[in-house]
Amino acid sequence: MTLARDDALSAGATINGLPVVNVRPSPFGRPSLRELDLYYENCVIGGPGAFYVLAESFKDIARTILRKLILEIAGRVPASDPKLGVVPVQFDGRVVPPCDVGERRWQELFQLQGFDGFLR
């Protein structure tokens, strides 16, 4: 689940993120994760000065990548801004997805298609 992330953090790495929030369904027809920013904040980023830069849509990716790269190259942590960095989350009614949400979604998809996860 988060073993690789935990190993990287214990080795002193910093993991930043760039979630792209969108409404486009996955190639398998599954809806996108609406709480992707919360997932990144709680399950992906970590380490000294970790942050994420949120892309509000696919049209926003170029600007967001540029902003993230500039911050990383400059060694800067973004100012406290919900769109640019990690700030204390205030309850807004959304539920934080579990860190294994991706694995759970794949299991559900396989079960719907009659695949039990074992190759025979």
PDB file of N, CA and C in Angstrom:
ATOM      1  N   MET A   1       0.837  -1.183   0.000  1.00  0.00           N
ATOM      2  CA  MET A   1       0.000   0.000   0.000  1.00  0.00           C
ATOM      3  C   MET A   1       0.886   1.253   0.000  1.00  0.00           C
ATOM      4  N   THR A   2       1.469   1.602   1.133  1.00  0.00           N
ATOM      5  CA  THR A   2       2.322   2.794   1.191  1.00  0.00           C
ATOM      6  C   THR A   2       3.759   2.431   1.565  1.00  0.00           C
ATOM      7  N   LEU A   3       4.149   1.170   1.367  1.00  0.00           N
ATOM      8  CA  LEU A   3       5.471   0.707   1.787  1.00  0.00           C
ATOM      9  C   LEU A   3       6.598   1.433   1.060  1.00  0.00           C
ATOM     10  N   ALA A   4       6.500   1.590  -0.255  1.00  0.00           N
ATOM     11  CA  ALA A   4       7.556   2.267  -1.014  1.00  0.00           C
ATOM     12  C   ALA A   4       7.664   3.724  -0.571  1.00  0.00           C
ATOM     13  N   ARG A   5       6.528   4.367  -0.366  1.00  0.00           N
ATOM     14  CA  ARG A   5       6.527   5.754   0.101  1.00  0.00           C
ATOM     15  C   ARG A   5       7.196   5.845   1.471  1.00  0.00           C
ATOM     16  N   ASP A   6       6.820   4.962   2.380  1.00  0.00           N
ATOM     17  CA  ASP A   6       7.386   4.975   3.722  1.00  0.00           C
ATOM     18  C   ASP A   6       8.890   4.719   3.691  1.00  0.00           C
ATOM     19  N   ASP A   7       9.347   3.802   2.826  1.00  0.00           N
ATOM     20  CA  ASP A   7      10.777   3.531   2.695  1.00  0.00           C
ATOM     21  C   ASP A   7      11.520   4.768   2.188  1.00  0.00           C
ATOM     22  N   ALA A   8      10.952   5.438   1.189  1.00  0.00           N
ATOM     23  CA  ALA A   8      11.591   6.637   0.645  1.00  0.00           C
ATOM     24  C   ALA A   8      11.681   7.732   1.705  1.00  0.00           C
ATOM     25  N   LEU A   9      10.609   7.926   2.456  1.00  0.00           N
ATOM     26  CA  LEU A   9      10.612   8.957   3.491  1.00  0.00           C
ATOM     27  C   LEU A   9      11.602   8.622   4.603  1.00  0.00           C
ATOM     28  N   SER A  10      11.697   7.357   4.979  1.00  0.00           N
ATOM     29  CA  SER A  10      12.634   6.981   6.041  1.00  0.00           C
ATOM     30  C   SER A  10      14.076   7.123   5.574  1.00  0.00           C
ATOM     31  N   ALA A  11      14.302   7.099   4.261  1.00  0.00           N
ATOM     32  CA  ALA A  11      15.644   7.303   3.714  1.00  0.00           C
ATOM     33  C   ALA A  11      15.962   8.789   3.552  1.00  0.00           C
ATOM     34  N   GLY A  12      15.023   9.657   3.919  1.00  0.00           N
ATOM     35  CA  GLY A  12      15.259  11.099   3.869  1.00  0.00           C
ATOM     36  C   GLY A  12      14.754  11.800   2.628  1.00  0.00           C
ATOM     37  N   ALA A  13      14.027  11.099   1.781  1.00  0.00           N
ATOM     38  CA  ALA A  13      13.500  11.712   0.554  1.00  0.00           C
ATOM     39  C   ALA A  13      12.323  12.626   0.869  1.00  0.00           C
ATOM     40  N   THR A  14      12.098  13.564  -0.013  1.00  0.00           N
ATOM     41  CA  THR A  14      10.902  14.394   0.033  1.00  0.00           C
ATOM     42  C   THR A  14      10.081  14.069  -1.204  1.00  0.00           C
ATOM     43  N   ILE A  15       8.800  13.819  -1.018  1.00  0.00           N
ATOM     44  CA  ILE A  15       7.906  13.484  -2.126  1.00  0.00           C
ATOM     45  C   ILE A  15       6.893  14.604  -2.279  1.00  0.00           C
ATOM     46  N   ASN A  16       6.941  15.265  -3.424  1.00  0.00           N
ATOM     47  CA  ASN A  16       5.967  16.304  -3.755  1.00  0.00           C
ATOM     48  C   ASN A  16       4.951  15.698  -4.719  1.00  0.00           C
ATOM     49  N   GLY A  17       3.871  16.416  -4.972  1.00  0.00           N
ATOM     50  CA  GLY A  17       2.847  15.860  -5.844  1.00  0.00           C
ATOM     51  C   GLY A  17       2.202  16.880  -6.744  1.00  0.00           C
ATOM     52  N   LEU A  18       1.519  16.364  -7.768  1.00  0.00           N
ATOM     53  CA  LEU A  18       0.797  17.199  -8.712  1.00  0.00           C
ATOM     54  C   LEU A  18      -0.508  16.488  -9.084  1.00  0.00           C
ATOM     55  N   PRO A  19      -1.496  16.540  -8.187  1.00  0.00           N
ATOM     56  CA  PRO A  19      -2.783  15.914  -8.531  1.00  0.00           C
ATOM     57  C   PRO A  19      -3.537  16.747  -9.565  1.00  0.00           C
ATOM     58  N   VAL A  20      -4.190  16.058 -10.492  1.00  0.00           N
ATOM     59  CA  VAL A  20      -5.021  16.722 -11.500  1.00  0.00           C
ATOM     60  C   VAL A  20      -6.469  16.336 -11.203  1.00  0.00           C
ATOM     61  N   VAL A  21      -7.219  17.277 -10.670  1.00  0.00           N
ATOM     62  CA  VAL A  21      -8.622  17.045 -10.339  1.00  0.00           C
ATOM     63  C   VAL A  21      -9.433  17.241 -11.616  1.00  0.00           C
ATOM     64  N   ASN A  22     -10.242  16.239 -11.958  1.00  0.00           N
ATOM     65  CA  ASN A  22     -11.031  16.330 -13.185  1.00  0.00           C
ATOM     66  C   ASN A  22     -12.265  15.461 -13.053  1.00  0.00           C
ATOM     67  N   VAL A  23     -13.156  15.602 -13.989  1.00  0.00           N
ATOM     68  CA  VAL A  23     -14.392  14.824 -13.961  1.00  0.00           C
ATOM     69  C   VAL A  23     -14.407  13.743 -15.031  1.00  0.00           C
ATOM     70  N   ARG A  24     -13.328  13.625 -15.780  1.00  0.00           N
ATOM     71  CA  ARG A  24     -13.267  12.633 -16.852  1.00  0.00           C
ATOM     72  C   ARG A  24     -13.201  11.227 -16.256  1.00  0.00           C
ATOM     73  N   PRO A  25     -14.035  10.307 -16.716  1.00  0.00           N
ATOM     74  CA  PRO A  25     -13.961   8.932 -16.209  1.00  0.00           C
ATOM     75  C   PRO A  25     -12.674   8.254 -16.684  1.00  0.00           C
ATOM     76  N   SER A  26     -12.281   7.225 -15.971  1.00  0.00           N
ATOM     77  CA  SER A  26     -11.091   6.463 -16.344  1.00  0.00           C
ATOM     78  C   SER A  26     -11.374   5.704 -17.642  1.00  0.00           C
ATOM     79  N   PRO A  27     -10.321   5.141 -18.256  1.00  0.00           N
ATOM     80  CA  PRO A  27     -10.551   4.344 -19.467  1.00  0.00           C
ATOM     81  C   PRO A  27     -11.493   3.161 -19.239  1.00  0.00           C
ATOM     82  N   PHE A  28     -11.668   2.777 -17.977  1.00  0.00           N
ATOM     83  CA  PHE A  28     -12.558   1.659 -17.656  1.00  0.00           C
ATOM     84  C   PHE A  28     -13.955   2.143 -17.292  1.00  0.00           C
ATOM     85  N   GLY A  29     -14.214   3.450 -17.445  1.00  0.00           N
ATOM     86  CA  GLY A  29     -15.532   3.995 -17.175  1.00  0.00           C
ATOM     87  C   GLY A  29     -15.789   4.360 -15.726  1.00  0.00           C
ATOM     88  N   ARG A  30     -14.776   4.215 -14.878  1.00  0.00           N
ATOM     89  CA  ARG A  30     -14.928   4.538 -13.456  1.00  0.00           C
ATOM     90  C   ARG A  30     -14.824   6.043 -13.267  1.00  0.00           C
ATOM     91  N   PRO A  31     -15.588   6.624 -12.362  1.00  0.00           N
ATOM     92  CA  PRO A  31     -15.475   8.063 -12.105  1.00  0.00           C
ATOM     93  C   PRO A  31     -14.113   8.390 -11.478  1.00  0.00           C
ATOM     94  N   SER A  32     -13.645   9.604 -11.718  1.00  0.00           N
ATOM     95  CA  SER A  32     -12.378  10.017 -11.119  1.00  0.00           C
ATOM     96  C   SER A  32     -12.571  10.262  -9.621  1.00  0.00           C
ATOM     97  N   LEU A  33     -11.477  10.236  -8.896  1.00  0.00           N
ATOM     98  CA  LEU A  33     -11.515  10.428  -7.450  1.00  0.00           C
ATOM     99  C   LEU A  33     -11.657  11.928  -7.165  1.00  0.00           C
ATOM    100  N   ARG A  34     -12.812  12.342  -6.675  1.00  0.00           N
ATOM    101  CA  ARG A  34     -13.075  13.764  -6.446  1.00  0.00           C
ATOM    102  C   ARG A  34     -12.226  14.337  -5.326  1.00  0.00           C
ATOM    103  N   GLU A  35     -11.793  13.511  -4.408  1.00  0.00           N
ATOM    104  CA  GLU A  35     -10.993  13.968  -3.274  1.00  0.00           C
ATOM    105  C   GLU A  35      -9.507  13.712  -3.506  1.00  0.00           C
ATOM    106  N   LEU A  36      -9.062  13.799  -4.756  1.00  0.00           N
ATOM    107  CA  LEU A  36      -7.677  13.477  -5.090  1.00  0.00           C
ATOM    108  C   LEU A  36      -6.688  14.368  -4.344  1.00  0.00           C
ATOM    109  N   ASP A  37      -7.038  15.627  -4.132  1.00  0.00           N
ATOM    110  CA  ASP A  37      -6.139  16.520  -3.392  1.00  0.00           C
ATOM    111  C   ASP A  37      -5.959  16.047  -1.949  1.00  0.00           C
ATOM    112  N   LEU A  38      -7.036  15.590  -1.318  1.00  0.00           N
ATOM    113  CA  LEU A  38      -6.934  15.070   0.048  1.00  0.00           C
ATOM    114  C   LEU A  38      -6.126  13.778   0.076  1.00  0.00           C
ATOM    115  N   TYR A  39      -6.306  12.947  -0.935  1.00  0.00           N
ATOM    116  CA  TYR A  39      -5.539  11.710  -1.036  1.00  0.00           C
ATOM    117  C   TYR A  39      -4.045  12.028  -1.122  1.00  0.00           C
ATOM    118  N   TYR A  40      -3.665  12.965  -1.974  1.00  0.00           N
ATOM    119  CA  TYR A  40      -2.260  13.347  -2.104  1.00  0.00           C
ATOM    120  C   TYR A  40      -1.725  13.884  -0.789  1.00  0.00           C
ATOM    121  N   GLU A  41      -2.496  14.723  -0.137  1.00  0.00           N
ATOM    122  CA  GLU A  41      -2.043  15.331   1.104  1.00  0.00           C
ATOM    123  C   GLU A  41      -1.821  14.290   2.198  1.00  0.00           C
ATOM    124  N   ASN A  42      -2.670  13.285   2.255  1.00  0.00           N
ATOM    125  CA  ASN A  42      -2.615  12.313   3.340  1.00  0.00           C
ATOM    126  C   ASN A  42      -1.863  11.031   3.002  1.00  0.00           C
ATOM    127  N   CYS A  43      -1.721  10.704   1.720  1.00  0.00           N
ATOM    128  CA  CYS A  43      -1.167   9.395   1.349  1.00  0.00           C
ATOM    129  C   CYS A  43       0.012   9.442   0.386  1.00  0.00           C
ATOM    130  N   VAL A  44       0.289  10.571  -0.229  1.00  0.00           N
ATOM    131  CA  VAL A  44       1.347  10.610  -1.243  1.00  0.00           C
ATOM    132  C   VAL A  44       2.527  11.460  -0.795  1.00  0.00           C
ATOM    133  N   ILE A  45       2.311  12.739  -0.558  1.00  0.00           N
ATOM    134  CA  ILE A  45       3.439  13.622  -0.259  1.00  0.00           C
ATOM    135  C   ILE A  45       3.985  13.352   1.143  1.00  0.00           C
ATOM    136  N   GLY A  46       5.215  13.763   1.347  1.00  0.00           N
ATOM    137  CA  GLY A  46       5.817  13.595   2.661  1.00  0.00           C
ATOM    138  C   GLY A  46       7.271  14.010   2.654  1.00  0.00           C
ATOM    139  N   GLY A  47       7.818  14.153   3.827  1.00  0.00           N
ATOM    140  CA  GLY A  47       9.215  14.545   3.972  1.00  0.00           C
ATOM    141  C   GLY A  47       9.352  16.032   4.218  1.00  0.00           C
ATOM    142  N   PRO A  48      10.589  16.478   4.461  1.00  0.00           N
ATOM    143  CA  PRO A  48      10.826  17.890   4.771  1.00  0.00           C
ATOM    144  C   PRO A  48      10.374  18.822   3.640  1.00  0.00           C
ATOM    145  N   GLY A  49       9.519  19.771   3.962  1.00  0.00           N
ATOM    146  CA  GLY A  49       9.067  20.762   2.989  1.00  0.00           C
ATOM    147  C   GLY A  49       8.163  20.224   1.899  1.00  0.00           C
ATOM    148  N   ALA A  50       7.569  19.065   2.092  1.00  0.00           N
ATOM    149  CA  ALA A  50       6.731  18.462   1.052  1.00  0.00           C
ATOM    150  C   ALA A  50       5.520  19.331   0.751  1.00  0.00           C
ATOM    151  N   PHE A  51       5.125  19.307  -0.521  1.00  0.00           N
ATOM    152  CA  PHE A  51       3.950  20.071  -0.944  1.00  0.00           C
ATOM    153  C   PHE A  51       3.352  19.433  -2.180  1.00  0.00           C
ATOM    154  N   TYR A  52       2.155  19.851  -2.502  1.00  0.00           N
ATOM    155  CA  TYR A  52       1.573  19.493  -3.785  1.00  0.00           C
ATOM    156  C   TYR A  52       1.064  20.758  -4.432  1.00  0.00           C
ATOM    157  N   VAL A  53       1.018  20.742  -5.766  1.00  0.00           N
ATOM    158  CA  VAL A  53       0.451  21.842  -6.525  1.00  0.00           C
ATOM    159  C   VAL A  53      -0.733  21.254  -7.277  1.00  0.00           C
ATOM    160  N   LEU A  54      -1.894  21.801  -7.048  1.00  0.00           N
ATOM    161  CA  LEU A  54      -3.139  21.263  -7.574  1.00  0.00           C
ATOM    162  C   LEU A  54      -3.453  21.818  -8.959  1.00  0.00           C
ATOM    163  N   ALA A  55      -3.688  20.912  -9.900  1.00  0.00           N
ATOM    164  CA  ALA A  55      -4.175  21.306 -11.226  1.00  0.00           C
ATOM    165  C   ALA A  55      -5.688  21.112 -11.210  1.00  0.00           C
ATOM    166  N   GLU A  56      -6.412  22.169 -11.493  1.00  0.00           N
ATOM    167  CA  GLU A  56      -7.874  22.123 -11.450  1.00  0.00           C
ATOM    168  C   GLU A  56      -8.490  21.384 -12.636  1.00  0.00           C
ATOM    169  N   SER A  57      -7.706  21.198 -13.707  1.00  0.00           N
ATOM    170  CA  SER A  57      -8.195  20.497 -14.890  1.00  0.00           C
ATOM    171  C   SER A  57      -6.997  20.148 -15.763  1.00  0.00           C
ATOM    172  N   PHE A  58      -7.240  19.407 -16.831  1.00  0.00           N
ATOM    173  CA  PHE A  58      -6.150  19.073 -17.742  1.00  0.00           C
ATOM    174  C   PHE A  58      -5.629  20.328 -18.453  1.00  0.00           C
ATOM    175  N   LYS A  59      -6.478  21.323 -18.632  1.00  0.00           N
ATOM    176  CA  LYS A  59      -6.047  22.587 -19.251  1.00  0.00           C
ATOM    177  C   LYS A  59      -5.055  23.329 -18.366  1.00  0.00           C
ATOM    178  N   ASP A  60      -5.051  23.022 -17.088  1.00  0.00           N
ATOM    179  CA  ASP A  60      -4.228  23.718 -16.099  1.00  0.00           C
ATOM    180  C   ASP A  60      -2.867  23.042 -15.886  1.00  0.00           C
ATOM    181  N   ILE A  61      -2.614  21.920 -16.551  1.00  0.00           N
ATOM    182  CA  ILE A  61      -1.413  21.136 -16.265  1.00  0.00           C
ATOM    183  C   ILE A  61      -0.124  21.897 -16.574  1.00  0.00           C
ATOM    184  N   ALA A  62      -0.023  22.543 -17.712  1.00  0.00           N
ATOM    185  CA  ALA A  62       1.231  23.221 -18.082  1.00  0.00           C
ATOM    186  C   ALA A  62       1.619  24.264 -17.036  1.00  0.00           C
ATOM    187  N   ARG A  63       0.668  25.094 -16.627  1.00  0.00           N
ATOM    188  CA  ARG A  63       0.954  26.112 -15.617  1.00  0.00           C
ATOM    189  C   ARG A  63       1.346  25.464 -14.293  1.00  0.00           C
ATOM    190  N   THR A  64       0.660  24.387 -13.952  1.00  0.00           N
ATOM    191  CA  THR A  64       0.905  23.723 -12.679  1.00  0.00           C
ATOM    192  C   THR A  64       2.274  23.053 -12.652  1.00  0.00           C
ATOM    193  N   ILE A  65       2.651  22.378 -13.729  1.00  0.00           N
ATOM    194  CA  ILE A  65       3.973  21.749 -13.804  1.00  0.00           C
ATOM    195  C   ILE A  65       5.065  22.806 -13.688  1.00  0.00           C
ATOM    196  N   LEU A  66       4.908  23.909 -14.404  1.00  0.00           N
ATOM    197  CA  LEU A  66       5.896  24.986 -14.339  1.00  0.00           C
ATOM    198  C   LEU A  66       6.036  25.511 -12.917  1.00  0.00           C
ATOM    199  N   ARG A  67       4.932  25.766 -12.261  1.00  0.00           N
ATOM    200  CA  ARG A  67       4.952  26.262 -10.875  1.00  0.00           C
ATOM    201  C   ARG A  67       5.654  25.264  -9.950  1.00  0.00           C
ATOM    202  N   LYS A  68       5.316  23.991 -10.073  1.00  0.00           N
ATOM    203  CA  LYS A  68       5.919  22.956  -9.230  1.00  0.00           C
ATOM    204  C   LYS A  68       7.420  22.857  -9.473  1.00  0.00           C
ATOM    205  N   LEU A  69       7.838  22.842 -10.736  1.00  0.00           N
ATOM    206  CA  LEU A  69       9.269  22.749 -11.045  1.00  0.00           C
ATOM    207  C   LEU A  69      10.050  23.950 -10.535  1.00  0.00           C
ATOM    208  N   ILE A  70       9.497  25.131 -10.697  1.00  0.00           N
ATOM    209  CA  ILE A  70      10.170  26.340 -10.197  1.00  0.00           C
ATOM    210  C   ILE A  70      10.354  26.252  -8.688  1.00  0.00           C
ATOM    211  N   LEU A  71       9.318  25.852  -7.979  1.00  0.00           N
ATOM    212  CA  LEU A  71       9.415  25.717  -6.521  1.00  0.00           C
ATOM    213  C   LEU A  71      10.442  24.667  -6.122  1.00  0.00           C
ATOM    214  N   GLU A  72      10.456  23.534  -6.827  1.00  0.00           N
ATOM    215  CA  GLU A  72      11.401  22.471  -6.485  1.00  0.00           C
ATOM    216  C   GLU A  72      12.841  22.873  -6.800  1.00  0.00           C
ATOM    217  N   ILE A  73      13.072  23.463  -7.957  1.00  0.00           N
ATOM    218  CA  ILE A  73      14.428  23.870  -8.334  1.00  0.00           C
ATOM    219  C   ILE A  73      14.946  24.956  -7.404  1.00  0.00           C
ATOM    220  N   ALA A  74      14.065  25.864  -7.030  1.00  0.00           N
ATOM    221  CA  ALA A  74      14.458  26.949  -6.131  1.00  0.00           C
ATOM    222  C   ALA A  74      14.571  26.482  -4.684  1.00  0.00           C
ATOM    223  N   GLY A  75      14.105  25.278  -4.414  1.00  0.00           N
ATOM    224  CA  GLY A  75      14.132  24.770  -3.046  1.00  0.00           C
ATOM    225  C   GLY A  75      13.188  25.517  -2.121  1.00  0.00           C
ATOM    226  N   ARG A  76      12.109  26.002  -2.678  1.00  0.00           N
ATOM    227  CA  ARG A  76      11.142  26.790  -1.912  1.00  0.00           C
ATOM    228  C   ARG A  76       9.921  25.965  -1.567  1.00  0.00           C
ATOM    229  N   VAL A  77       9.390  26.226  -0.394  1.00  0.00           N
ATOM    230  CA  VAL A  77       8.110  25.650  -0.001  1.00  0.00           C
ATOM    231  C   VAL A  77       7.071  26.726  -0.284  1.00  0.00           C
ATOM    232  N   PRO A  78       5.982  26.379  -0.953  1.00  0.00           N
ATOM    233  CA  PRO A  78       4.986  27.405  -1.286  1.00  0.00           C
ATOM    234  C   PRO A  78       4.424  28.088  -0.043  1.00  0.00           C
ATOM    235  N   ALA A  79       4.011  29.312  -0.243  1.00  0.00           N
ATOM    236  CA  ALA A  79       3.316  30.031   0.826  1.00  0.00           C
ATOM    237  C   ALA A  79       2.029  29.288   1.154  1.00  0.00           C
ATOM    238  N   SER A  80       1.501  29.532   2.317  1.00  0.00           N
ATOM    239  CA  SER A  80       0.283  28.861   2.746  1.00  0.00           C
ATOM    240  C   SER A  80      -0.871  29.266   1.836  1.00  0.00           C
ATOM    241  N   ASP A  81      -1.171  28.408   0.886  1.00  0.00           N
ATOM    242  CA  ASP A  81      -2.229  28.648  -0.081  1.00  0.00           C
ATOM    243  C   ASP A  81      -2.816  27.286  -0.446  1.00  0.00           C
ATOM    244  N   PRO A  82      -4.107  27.082  -0.271  1.00  0.00           N
ATOM    245  CA  PRO A  82      -4.687  25.765  -0.528  1.00  0.00           C
ATOM    246  C   PRO A  82      -4.437  25.254  -1.940  1.00  0.00           C
ATOM    247  N   LYS A  83      -4.246  26.132  -2.903  1.00  0.00           N
ATOM    248  CA  LYS A  83      -4.031  25.703  -4.276  1.00  0.00           C
ATOM    249  C   LYS A  83      -2.565  25.373  -4.556  1.00  0.00           C
ATOM    250  N   LEU A  84      -1.653  25.850  -3.733  1.00  0.00           N
ATOM    251  CA  LEU A  84      -0.237  25.691  -4.023  1.00  0.00           C
ATOM    252  C   LEU A  84       0.532  24.857  -3.023  1.00  0.00           C
ATOM    253  N   GLY A  85       0.028  24.670  -1.846  1.00  0.00           N
ATOM    254  CA  GLY A  85       0.812  23.929  -0.878  1.00  0.00           C
ATOM    255  C   GLY A  85      -0.031  23.250   0.162  1.00  0.00           C
ATOM    256  N   VAL A  86       0.634  22.553   1.014  1.00  0.00           N
ATOM    257  CA  VAL A  86      -0.051  21.846   2.076  1.00  0.00           C
ATOM    258  C   VAL A  86      -0.334  22.808   3.207  1.00  0.00           C
ATOM    259  N   VAL A  87      -1.567  22.903   3.562  1.00  0.00           N
ATOM    260  CA  VAL A  87      -1.992  23.752   4.674  1.00  0.00           C
ATOM    261  C   VAL A  87      -2.876  22.902   5.566  1.00  0.00           C
ATOM    262  N   PRO A  88      -3.041  23.285   6.805  1.00  0.00           N
ATOM    263  CA  PRO A  88      -3.953  22.507   7.650  1.00  0.00           C
ATOM    264  C   PRO A  88      -5.331  22.420   7.011  1.00  0.00           C
ATOM    265  N   VAL A  89      -5.826  21.219   6.905  1.00  0.00           N
ATOM    266  CA  VAL A  89      -7.127  21.004   6.272  1.00  0.00           C
ATOM    267  C   VAL A  89      -8.227  21.366   7.257  1.00  0.00           C
ATOM    268  N   GLN A  90      -9.124  22.201   6.813  1.00  0.00           N
ATOM    269  CA  GLN A  90     -10.295  22.512   7.614  1.00  0.00           C
ATOM    270  C   GLN A  90     -11.421  21.630   7.103  1.00  0.00           C
ATOM    271  N   PHE A  91     -12.235  21.158   8.007  1.00  0.00           N
ATOM    272  CA  PHE A  91     -13.301  20.262   7.606  1.00  0.00           C
ATOM    273  C   PHE A  91     -14.227  20.947   6.617  1.00  0.00           C
ATOM    274  N   ASP A  92     -14.335  20.356   5.441  1.00  0.00           N
ATOM    275  CA  ASP A  92     -15.222  20.917   4.415  1.00  0.00           C
ATOM    276  C   ASP A  92     -16.281  19.902   3.987  1.00  0.00           C
ATOM    277  N   GLY A  93     -16.467  18.871   4.810  1.00  0.00           N
ATOM    278  CA  GLY A  93     -17.488  17.886   4.520  1.00  0.00           C
ATOM    279  C   GLY A  93     -17.014  16.707   3.692  1.00  0.00           C
ATOM    280  N   ARG A  94     -15.806  16.804   3.126  1.00  0.00           N
ATOM    281  CA  ARG A  94     -15.304  15.703   2.318  1.00  0.00           C
ATOM    282  C   ARG A  94     -14.600  14.680   3.201  1.00  0.00           C
ATOM    283  N   VAL A  95     -14.657  13.434   2.785  1.00  0.00           N
ATOM    284  CA  VAL A  95     -14.003  12.350   3.512  1.00  0.00           C
ATOM    285  C   VAL A  95     -12.678  12.044   2.826  1.00  0.00           C
ATOM    286  N   VAL A  96     -11.620  11.917   3.614  1.00  0.00           N
ATOM    287  CA  VAL A  96     -10.315  11.584   3.068  1.00  0.00           C
ATOM    288  C   VAL A  96     -10.338  10.144   2.579  1.00  0.00           C
ATOM    289  N   PRO A  97      -9.965   9.912   1.312  1.00  0.00           N
ATOM    290  CA  PRO A  97      -9.950   8.539   0.812  1.00  0.00           C
ATOM    291  C   PRO A  97      -8.877   7.719   1.530  1.00  0.00           C
ATOM    292  N   PRO A  98      -9.096   6.403   1.670  1.00  0.00           N
ATOM    293  CA  PRO A  98      -8.064   5.569   2.271  1.00  0.00           C
ATOM    294  C   PRO A  98      -6.854   5.506   1.341  1.00  0.00           C
ATOM    295  N   CYS A  99      -5.674   5.268   1.905  1.00  0.00           N
ATOM    296  CA  CYS A  99      -4.456   5.251   1.097  1.00  0.00           C
ATOM    297  C   CYS A  99      -4.413   4.097   0.105  1.00  0.00           C
ATOM    298  N   ASP A 100      -5.257   3.100   0.274  1.00  0.00           N
ATOM    299  CA  ASP A 100      -5.298   1.994  -0.683  1.00  0.00           C
ATOM    300  C   ASP A 100      -6.503   2.109  -1.625  1.00  0.00           C
ATOM    301  N   VAL A 101      -6.981   3.318  -1.842  1.00  0.00           N
ATOM    302  CA  VAL A 101      -8.168   3.506  -2.678  1.00  0.00           C
ATOM    303  C   VAL A 101      -7.943   3.000  -4.102  1.00  0.00           C
ATOM    304  N   GLY A 102      -6.750   3.173  -4.625  1.00  0.00           N
ATOM    305  CA  GLY A 102      -6.466   2.676  -5.974  1.00  0.00           C
ATOM    306  C   GLY A 102      -6.562   1.167  -6.055  1.00  0.00           C
ATOM    307  N   GLU A 103      -5.962   0.490  -5.078  1.00  0.00           N
ATOM    308  CA  GLU A 103      -6.036  -0.966  -5.040  1.00  0.00           C
ATOM    309  C   GLU A 103      -7.474  -1.445  -4.899  1.00  0.00           C
ATOM    310  N   ARG A 104      -8.246  -0.775  -4.050  1.00  0.00           N
ATOM    311  CA  ARG A 104      -9.655  -1.156  -3.858  1.00  0.00           C
ATOM    312  C   ARG A 104     -10.450  -0.990  -5.145  1.00  0.00           C
ATOM    313  N   ARG A 105     -10.180   0.101  -5.875  1.00  0.00           N
ATOM    314  CA  ARG A 105     -10.910   0.330  -7.123  1.00  0.00           C
ATOM    315  C   ARG A 105     -10.578  -0.748  -8.152  1.00  0.00           C
ATOM    316  N   TRP A 106      -9.301  -1.145  -8.222  1.00  0.00           N
ATOM    317  CA  TRP A 106      -8.920  -2.217  -9.152  1.00  0.00           C
ATOM    318  C   TRP A 106      -9.585  -3.527  -8.762  1.00  0.00           C
ATOM    319  N   GLN A 107      -9.615  -3.834  -7.471  1.00  0.00           N
ATOM    320  CA  GLN A 107     -10.267  -5.068  -7.023  1.00  0.00           C
ATOM    321  C   GLN A 107     -11.747  -5.071  -7.390  1.00  0.00           C
ATOM    322  N   GLU A 108     -12.406  -3.943  -7.187  1.00  0.00           N
ATOM    323  CA  GLU A 108     -13.828  -3.849  -7.544  1.00  0.00           C
ATOM    324  C   GLU A 108     -14.028  -4.051  -9.038  1.00  0.00           C
ATOM    325  N   LEU A 109     -13.158  -3.449  -9.844  1.00  0.00           N
ATOM    326  CA  LEU A 109     -13.268  -3.581 -11.293  1.00  0.00           C
ATOM    327  C   LEU A 109     -13.080  -5.031 -11.714  1.00  0.00           C
ATOM    328  N   PHE A 110     -12.061  -5.701 -11.147  1.00  0.00           N
ATOM    329  CA  PHE A 110     -11.821  -7.093 -11.490  1.00  0.00           C
ATOM    330  C   PHE A 110     -12.981  -7.974 -11.061  1.00  0.00           C
ATOM    331  N   GLN A 111     -13.532  -7.722  -9.881  1.00  0.00           N
ATOM    332  CA  GLN A 111     -14.652  -8.530  -9.401  1.00  0.00           C
ATOM    333  C   GLN A 111     -15.866  -8.346 -10.293  1.00  0.00           C
ATOM    334  N   LEU A 112     -16.100  -7.124 -10.769  1.00  0.00           N
ATOM    335  CA  LEU A 112     -17.224  -6.876 -11.667  1.00  0.00           C
ATOM    336  C   LEU A 112     -17.056  -7.635 -12.977  1.00  0.00           C
ATOM    337  N   GLN A 113     -15.802  -7.846 -13.377  1.00  0.00           N
ATOM    338  CA  GLN A 113     -15.531  -8.554 -14.625  1.00  0.00           C
ATOM    339  C   GLN A 113     -15.306 -10.042 -14.404  1.00  0.00           C
ATOM    340  N   GLY A 114     -15.455 -10.512 -13.150  1.00  0.00           N
ATOM    341  CA  GLY A 114     -15.322 -11.932 -12.863  1.00  0.00           C
ATOM    342  C   GLY A 114     -13.888 -12.398 -12.708  1.00  0.00           C
ATOM    343  N   PHE A 115     -12.932 -11.501 -12.546  1.00  0.00           N
ATOM    344  CA  PHE A 115     -11.521 -11.869 -12.366  1.00  0.00           C
ATOM    345  C   PHE A 115     -11.183 -11.842 -10.896  1.00  0.00           C
ATOM    346  N   ASP A 116     -10.613 -12.919 -10.378  1.00  0.00           N
ATOM    347  CA  ASP A 116     -10.334 -12.999  -8.946  1.00  0.00           C
ATOM    348  C   ASP A 116      -8.924 -12.526  -8.575  1.00  0.00           C
ATOM    349  N   GLY A 117      -8.122 -12.107  -9.562  1.00  0.00           N
ATOM    350  CA  GLY A 117      -6.789 -11.600  -9.292  1.00  0.00           C
ATOM    351  C   GLY A 117      -5.687 -12.626  -9.465  1.00  0.00           C
ATOM    352  N   PHE A 118      -6.048 -13.864  -9.736  1.00  0.00           N
ATOM    353  CA  PHE A 118      -5.050 -14.909  -9.912  1.00  0.00           C
ATOM    354  C   PHE A 118      -4.956 -15.300 -11.376  1.00  0.00           C
ATOM    355  N   LEU A 119      -3.730 -15.346 -11.879  1.00  0.00           N
ATOM    356  CA  LEU A 119      -3.517 -15.817 -13.243  1.00  0.00           C
ATOM    357  C   LEU A 119      -3.279 -17.320 -13.193  1.00  0.00           C
ATOM    358  N   ARG A 120      -4.011 -18.030 -13.982  1.00  0.00           N
ATOM    359  CA  ARG A 120      -3.886 -19.498 -13.977  1.00  0.00           C
ATOM    360  C   ARG A 120      -3.355 -19.965 -15.303  1.00  0.00           C
TER     361      ARG A 120
END
